Amino acid sequence: TALTLVLAAFPPLIAVAPGVGAISMSCVGARLLKHTAVAVVLISSTVLAPTLLLLRKECGKICIVLGLGLLVVGSAAFLGAALCRALDRGACTPLQWKLIVASIWVLNPVLVTVIGVLSKNYEAAWWSAMPLACALSVLSGRMRLAEGDPDWVQEGCPLSFSMATHWFFSRLVFIGMPMLLLSLQVDLYLPDSSMLPDGAVIGLFVCGGCILISVKFCAMCACLASQKFPQALVLLMLLAADWVSSLHIMTLVSDDFKVSLLLYFLLASGIVQSRAAWKRLGLRVRWARALAQRRARQIAAGNGMDVELGASASPGASLESSDSDDD
């Protein structure tokens, strides 16, 4: 399983003797721990979660609960990472940034969809990302979302009518529209046809599906042009998932067929993406080097010596360039 692969990558973490002590952040490095957490979340939400959901008929409700829980955590983590890159953290106060992060986890679209489906309030599930869009619009305050935005702080308070209109449409374009597309993306993956709307609203779902397919197709072509084949393969699977979901909207495929195929697509894309991320981050070599440095410090301390194991003395030091936030 995916969890076994994660634990097998650094067995010293689970084989530490009680007298040795836990591995602290100062020993292994904060960035290494952060990158490891990213890999664990990626594998858990895209490999382990669909595996559990595929076994739901054999293992019962426990697999459904665990699988959906991992999907909720993974979607919140990835959405938070995307918004952290899109928003200027330096323009926020500490309290404002904490509220933004909290809103991402509490108003996570997948979580809102799960709650809406369980409560049979399907209208809430259709617009699952819009509560988060409203929260982000309010919490963004006077943050500039685009280079063309004026400096809201210098405009004073309250804003004039023209400036307030500019602020409203700025939030509508840069927050509202992406969250609307995210809502439609989640709607395409609803498992039961009875959860989909009837009437004119279904036309909006179809239009949103066409936009999403077009965006993913253009992104796949860009990845192929830049020779990013794993990312192109993942986008191809996502395109296939959207195509199957569109067939489901037209009642051309059954509910069980759609759910099973989407889970297999998620599992396959998760394996591809996890393997690419694991290889690029070089976590196995970096963990081995960090633990070797820790053992050397312990031996030096036990012998009363002041010895420091440098990175050049450890194998695989050339992979240190992979220790970056961009990766």
Protein backbone atom coordinates (compact mmCIF):
# COMPACT_ATOMS: atom_id res chain seq x y z
CA THR A 1 0.00 0.00 0.00
CA ALA A 2 0.95 3.65 -0.30
CA LEU A 3 1.38 4.02 3.46
CA THR A 4 3.80 1.07 3.50
CA LEU A 5 5.83 2.71 0.74
CA VAL A 6 6.01 5.93 2.74
CA LEU A 7 7.18 4.19 5.89
CA ALA A 8 9.62 1.99 3.98
CA ALA A 9 11.36 5.07 2.62
CA PHE A 10 12.68 5.98 6.07
CA PRO A 11 12.53 2.90 8.36
CA PRO A 12 14.65 4.52 11.11
CA LEU A 13 11.61 6.65 11.98
CA ILE A 14 9.72 3.57 13.16
CA ALA A 15 12.70 1.62 14.46
CA VAL A 16 14.15 4.17 16.88
CA ALA A 17 15.00 2.69 20.26
CA PRO A 18 13.38 4.35 23.27
CA GLY A 19 16.74 5.46 24.66
CA VAL A 20 17.81 7.20 21.50
CA GLY A 21 15.05 9.80 21.51
CA ALA A 22 12.81 11.25 18.84
CA ILE A 23 14.11 12.93 15.73
CA SER A 24 13.74 16.65 16.25
CA MET A 25 13.31 19.34 13.66
CA SER A 26 16.75 20.70 14.48
CA CYS A 27 18.33 17.34 13.55
CA VAL A 28 16.70 16.72 10.19
CA GLY A 29 15.79 20.24 9.06
CA ALA A 30 12.46 21.99 8.80
CA ARG A 31 12.42 21.95 5.00
CA LEU A 32 13.05 18.21 4.85
CA LEU A 33 10.16 17.61 7.23
CA LYS A 34 7.95 19.92 5.20
CA HIS A 35 8.81 18.20 1.92
CA THR A 36 8.21 14.80 3.54
CA ALA A 37 4.80 15.97 4.75
CA VAL A 38 3.97 17.11 1.21
CA ALA A 39 4.87 13.68 -0.18
CA VAL A 40 2.85 11.90 2.52
CA VAL A 41 -0.24 14.07 1.87
CA LEU A 42 0.13 13.56 -1.89
CA ILE A 43 0.37 9.78 -1.60
CA SER A 44 -2.37 9.53 1.03
CA SER A 45 -4.92 11.63 -0.87
CA THR A 46 -4.25 10.41 -4.42
CA VAL A 47 -3.19 6.78 -3.90
CA LEU A 48 -4.37 5.53 -0.53
CA ALA A 49 -7.76 7.32 -0.60
CA PRO A 50 -8.96 5.90 -3.97
CA THR A 51 -7.65 2.47 -2.95
CA LEU A 52 -9.79 2.55 0.19
CA LEU A 53 -12.83 3.75 -1.73
CA LEU A 54 -12.40 1.00 -4.33
CA LEU A 55 -12.48 -1.51 -1.45
CA ARG A 56 -15.62 0.00 0.07
CA LYS A 57 -17.84 -2.96 -0.83
CA GLU A 58 -15.43 -5.47 0.73
CA CYS A 59 -14.42 -3.51 3.85
CA GLY A 60 -17.58 -1.52 4.59
CA LYS A 61 -18.07 2.01 5.86
CA ILE A 62 -14.65 2.30 7.49
CA CYS A 63 -13.03 2.49 4.04
CA ILE A 64 -15.52 5.15 2.93
CA VAL A 65 -14.89 7.29 6.01
CA LEU A 66 -11.10 6.99 5.79
CA GLY A 67 -11.04 7.50 2.02
CA LEU A 68 -13.23 10.61 2.12
CA GLY A 69 -11.28 11.95 5.10
CA LEU A 70 -7.99 11.64 3.19
CA LEU A 71 -9.55 13.31 0.14
CA VAL A 72 -10.77 16.21 2.29
CA VAL A 73 -7.35 16.69 3.89
CA GLY A 74 -5.55 16.44 0.56
CA SER A 75 -7.86 18.86 -1.25
CA ALA A 76 -7.58 21.40 1.59
CA ALA A 77 -3.78 21.10 1.61
CA PHE A 78 -3.45 21.51 -2.17
CA LEU A 79 -5.93 24.38 -2.28
CA GLY A 80 -4.09 26.07 0.57
CA ALA A 81 -0.77 25.66 -1.22
CA ALA A 82 -2.22 27.18 -4.39
CA LEU A 83 -3.69 30.16 -2.54
CA CYS A 84 -0.44 30.70 -0.63
CA ARG A 85 1.30 31.17 -3.96
CA ALA A 86 -1.48 33.32 -5.40
CA LEU A 87 -1.92 35.68 -2.44
CA ASP A 88 0.68 38.07 -1.10
CA ARG A 89 1.27 36.97 2.48
CA GLY A 90 3.39 40.03 3.18
CA ALA A 91 0.36 42.27 2.59
CA CYS A 92 -1.63 40.51 5.32
CA THR A 93 -1.57 40.94 9.06
CA PRO A 94 -0.80 37.77 11.08
CA LEU A 95 -4.43 37.50 12.22
CA GLN A 96 -5.71 38.05 8.70
CA TRP A 97 -3.47 35.29 7.31
CA LYS A 98 -4.51 32.86 10.06
CA LEU A 99 -8.17 33.49 9.26
CA ILE A 100 -7.53 32.89 5.54
CA VAL A 101 -5.83 29.57 6.27
CA ALA A 102 -8.59 28.56 8.69
CA SER A 103 -11.28 29.38 6.12
CA ILE A 104 -9.54 27.17 3.55
CA TRP A 105 -9.76 24.19 5.91
CA VAL A 106 -13.23 24.87 7.31
CA LEU A 107 -14.83 25.82 3.95
CA ASN A 108 -12.94 23.26 1.88
CA PRO A 109 -15.15 22.56 -1.21
CA VAL A 110 -14.80 18.79 -0.87
CA LEU A 111 -15.83 18.97 2.79
CA VAL A 112 -18.80 21.21 1.92
CA THR A 113 -19.82 18.73 -0.80
CA VAL A 114 -19.60 15.76 1.56
CA ILE A 115 -21.71 17.57 4.18
CA GLY A 116 -24.25 18.61 1.54
CA VAL A 117 -24.57 15.07 0.19
CA LEU A 118 -24.89 13.54 3.65
CA SER A 119 -27.57 16.07 4.62
CA LYS A 120 -29.25 15.67 1.19
CA ASN A 121 -28.88 19.41 0.65
CA TYR A 122 -27.64 19.03 -2.90
CA GLU A 123 -27.95 22.74 -3.70
CA ALA A 124 -25.17 23.42 -1.19
CA ALA A 125 -23.04 20.74 -2.82
CA TRP A 126 -23.49 22.31 -6.28
CA TRP A 127 -21.88 25.59 -5.18
CA SER A 128 -19.38 24.07 -2.75
CA ALA A 129 -16.58 26.60 -3.35
CA MET A 130 -18.70 29.75 -3.18
CA PRO A 131 -18.68 30.02 0.66
CA LEU A 132 -14.89 29.97 0.49
CA ALA A 133 -14.98 32.59 -2.27
CA CYS A 134 -17.09 34.90 -0.09
CA ALA A 135 -14.80 34.36 2.91
CA LEU A 136 -11.64 35.03 0.88
CA SER A 137 -13.17 38.15 -0.67
CA VAL A 138 -13.93 39.59 2.76
CA LEU A 139 -10.69 38.47 4.40
CA SER A 140 -8.56 39.77 1.54
CA GLY A 141 -9.50 43.26 2.70
CA ARG A 142 -7.30 45.86 1.04
CA MET A 143 -4.96 43.32 -0.55
CA ARG A 144 -4.05 43.98 -4.18
CA LEU A 145 -4.95 40.92 -6.28
CA ALA A 146 -3.57 42.27 -9.56
CA GLU A 147 -0.98 44.78 -10.68
CA GLY A 148 -3.70 47.01 -12.07
CA ASP A 149 -5.42 47.35 -8.70
CA PRO A 150 -4.93 50.68 -6.90
CA ASP A 151 -3.33 50.88 -3.50
CA TRP A 152 -6.44 50.39 -1.38
CA VAL A 153 -4.66 51.55 1.78
CA GLN A 154 -3.95 54.99 0.31
CA GLU A 155 -7.52 55.32 -0.94
CA GLY A 156 -8.75 55.71 2.62
CA CYS A 157 -11.94 54.44 4.18
CA PRO A 158 -14.71 54.35 3.20
CA LEU A 159 -13.97 53.89 -0.50
CA SER A 160 -15.64 56.03 -3.10
CA PHE A 161 -18.31 54.44 -5.28
CA SER A 162 -15.94 53.95 -8.22
CA MET A 163 -13.22 52.46 -6.02
CA ALA A 164 -15.72 50.19 -4.26
CA THR A 165 -16.96 48.99 -7.66
CA HIS A 166 -13.37 48.34 -8.73
CA TRP A 167 -12.75 46.39 -5.52
CA PHE A 168 -15.93 44.32 -6.01
CA PHE A 169 -15.16 43.36 -9.62
CA SER A 170 -11.53 42.61 -8.75
CA ARG A 171 -12.72 40.04 -6.18
CA LEU A 172 -15.36 38.77 -8.60
CA VAL A 173 -12.81 38.08 -11.35
CA PHE A 174 -9.81 36.87 -9.39
CA ILE A 175 -11.61 34.98 -6.60
CA GLY A 176 -15.21 34.41 -7.63
CA MET A 177 -14.64 33.02 -11.13
CA PRO A 178 -11.91 30.50 -10.16
CA MET A 179 -14.02 29.30 -7.24
CA LEU A 180 -17.06 28.95 -9.52
CA LEU A 181 -15.03 26.74 -11.86
CA LEU A 182 -13.81 24.77 -8.86
CA SER A 183 -17.43 24.24 -7.79
CA LEU A 184 -18.33 22.98 -11.25
CA GLN A 185 -15.30 20.67 -11.23
CA VAL A 186 -16.42 19.09 -7.98
CA ASP A 187 -19.98 18.85 -9.32
CA LEU A 188 -18.79 16.82 -12.31
CA TYR A 189 -17.51 14.17 -9.90
CA LEU A 190 -20.75 13.76 -7.91
CA PRO A 191 -21.29 9.99 -7.72
CA ASP A 192 -25.07 9.72 -8.20
CA SER A 193 -27.15 11.14 -11.04
CA SER A 194 -29.90 12.01 -8.53
CA MET A 195 -27.52 14.56 -6.99
CA LEU A 196 -27.27 16.52 -10.25
CA PRO A 197 -29.68 19.39 -10.95
CA ASP A 198 -32.53 19.34 -13.41
CA GLY A 199 -33.58 22.03 -15.84
CA ALA A 200 -31.57 25.05 -16.90
CA VAL A 201 -28.89 24.69 -14.21
CA ILE A 202 -27.54 21.59 -15.92
CA GLY A 203 -26.60 23.82 -18.87
CA LEU A 204 -24.23 25.75 -16.60
CA PHE A 205 -22.64 22.45 -15.57
CA VAL A 206 -22.11 21.51 -19.21
CA CYS A 207 -20.59 24.91 -20.03
CA GLY A 208 -18.31 24.66 -17.01
CA GLY A 209 -17.24 21.17 -18.06
CA CYS A 210 -16.36 22.44 -21.55
CA ILE A 211 -14.25 25.26 -20.07
CA LEU A 212 -12.44 22.87 -17.72
CA ILE A 213 -11.74 20.39 -20.52
CA SER A 214 -10.38 23.18 -22.72
CA VAL A 215 -8.11 24.51 -19.96
CA LYS A 216 -6.76 21.04 -19.18
CA PHE A 217 -6.18 20.30 -22.86
CA CYS A 218 -4.18 23.53 -23.31
CA ALA A 219 -2.21 22.77 -20.13
CA MET A 220 -1.47 19.25 -21.40
CA CYS A 221 -0.18 20.63 -24.70
CA ALA A 222 2.03 23.09 -22.81
CA CYS A 223 3.44 20.24 -20.69
CA LEU A 224 4.17 18.18 -23.81
CA ALA A 225 5.88 21.17 -25.43
CA SER A 226 8.13 21.59 -22.39
CA GLN A 227 8.69 17.80 -22.14
CA LYS A 228 6.96 17.44 -18.78
CA PHE A 229 5.60 14.01 -19.55
CA PRO A 230 4.40 12.96 -16.05
CA GLN A 231 2.33 16.15 -15.73
CA ALA A 232 0.97 15.66 -19.26
CA LEU A 233 -0.04 12.09 -18.40
CA VAL A 234 -1.83 13.26 -15.25
CA LEU A 235 -3.71 15.93 -17.24
CA LEU A 236 -4.66 13.31 -19.82
CA MET A 237 -6.23 11.18 -17.07
CA LEU A 238 -8.07 14.22 -15.72
CA LEU A 239 -9.38 14.92 -19.21
CA ALA A 240 -10.62 11.35 -19.43
CA ALA A 241 -12.29 11.74 -16.03
CA ASP A 242 -14.11 14.88 -17.19
CA TRP A 243 -15.19 13.10 -20.38
CA VAL A 244 -16.65 10.19 -18.38
CA SER A 245 -18.39 12.67 -16.08
CA SER A 246 -19.90 14.42 -19.11
CA LEU A 247 -21.21 11.08 -20.36
CA HIS A 248 -22.71 10.52 -16.93
CA ILE A 249 -24.54 13.86 -17.10
CA MET A 250 -26.05 12.71 -20.41
CA THR A 251 -27.07 9.41 -18.68
CA LEU A 252 -24.93 7.39 -21.09
CA VAL A 253 -23.02 5.59 -18.31
CA SER A 254 -24.20 4.20 -14.98
CA ASP A 255 -23.37 5.58 -11.55
CA ASP A 256 -21.22 2.59 -10.52
CA PHE A 257 -19.28 2.65 -13.78
CA LYS A 258 -18.53 6.37 -13.39
CA VAL A 259 -17.46 6.09 -9.74
CA SER A 260 -15.19 3.10 -10.36
CA LEU A 261 -13.57 4.66 -13.42
CA LEU A 262 -12.98 8.00 -11.68
CA LEU A 263 -11.34 6.24 -8.73
CA TYR A 264 -9.07 4.27 -11.07
CA PHE A 265 -8.13 7.50 -12.86
CA LEU A 266 -7.34 9.16 -9.53
CA LEU A 267 -5.29 6.17 -8.43
CA ALA A 268 -3.28 6.04 -11.66
CA SER A 269 -2.66 9.80 -11.73
CA GLY A 270 -1.70 9.71 -8.05
CA ILE A 271 0.88 6.99 -8.66
CA VAL A 272 2.41 8.93 -11.54
CA GLN A 273 2.48 12.24 -9.66
CA SER A 274 3.72 10.71 -6.41
CA ARG A 275 6.55 8.89 -8.17
CA ALA A 276 7.61 12.09 -9.95
CA ALA A 277 7.47 14.13 -6.74
CA TRP A 278 9.30 11.47 -4.70
CA LYS A 279 12.07 11.21 -7.29
CA ARG A 280 12.43 14.97 -7.71
CA LEU A 281 12.57 15.70 -3.98
CA GLY A 282 15.10 12.89 -3.38
CA LEU A 283 13.64 12.17 0.06
CA ARG A 284 15.24 8.74 0.57
CA VAL A 285 18.79 10.04 0.10
CA ARG A 286 18.12 13.19 2.12
CA TRP A 287 16.65 11.24 5.04
CA ALA A 288 19.60 8.81 4.97
CA ARG A 289 22.02 11.76 5.02
CA ALA A 290 20.16 13.50 7.85
CA LEU A 291 20.08 10.37 9.97
CA ALA A 292 23.77 9.69 9.27
CA GLN A 293 24.58 13.20 10.46
CA ARG A 294 22.50 12.65 13.58
CA ARG A 295 24.28 9.37 14.41
CA ALA A 296 27.66 11.06 13.89
CA ARG A 297 26.70 13.83 16.31
CA GLN A 298 25.62 11.27 18.90
CA ILE A 299 28.88 9.32 18.55
CA ALA A 300 30.92 12.51 18.77
CA ALA A 301 28.99 13.63 21.86
CA GLY A 302 29.46 10.23 23.49
CA ASN A 303 33.22 10.35 22.89
CA GLY A 304 33.52 13.93 24.10
CA MET A 305 34.59 15.10 20.66
CA ASP A 306 33.45 18.12 18.67
CA VAL A 307 32.96 16.56 15.27
CA GLU A 308 30.58 17.81 12.61
CA LEU A 309 29.67 15.66 9.67
CA GLY A 310 29.58 17.94 6.64
CA ALA A 311 27.31 17.49 3.69
CA SER A 312 30.31 16.83 1.46
CA ALA A 313 31.23 13.74 3.50
CA SER A 314 27.81 12.18 3.10
CA PRO A 315 26.74 10.19 0.03
CA GLY A 316 24.31 11.84 -2.33
CA ALA A 317 25.24 15.38 -1.36
CA SER A 318 24.84 16.38 -4.97
CA LEU A 319 21.07 15.99 -4.55
CA GLU A 320 20.92 18.88 -2.08
CA SER A 321 19.75 21.06 -4.94
CA SER A 322 16.43 19.22 -4.75
CA ASP A 323 15.89 20.69 -1.28
CA SER A 324 13.95 23.68 -2.47
CA ASP A 325 10.45 24.99 -2.03
CA ASP A 326 10.03 25.23 -5.81
CA ASP A 327 10.30 21.44 -6.08
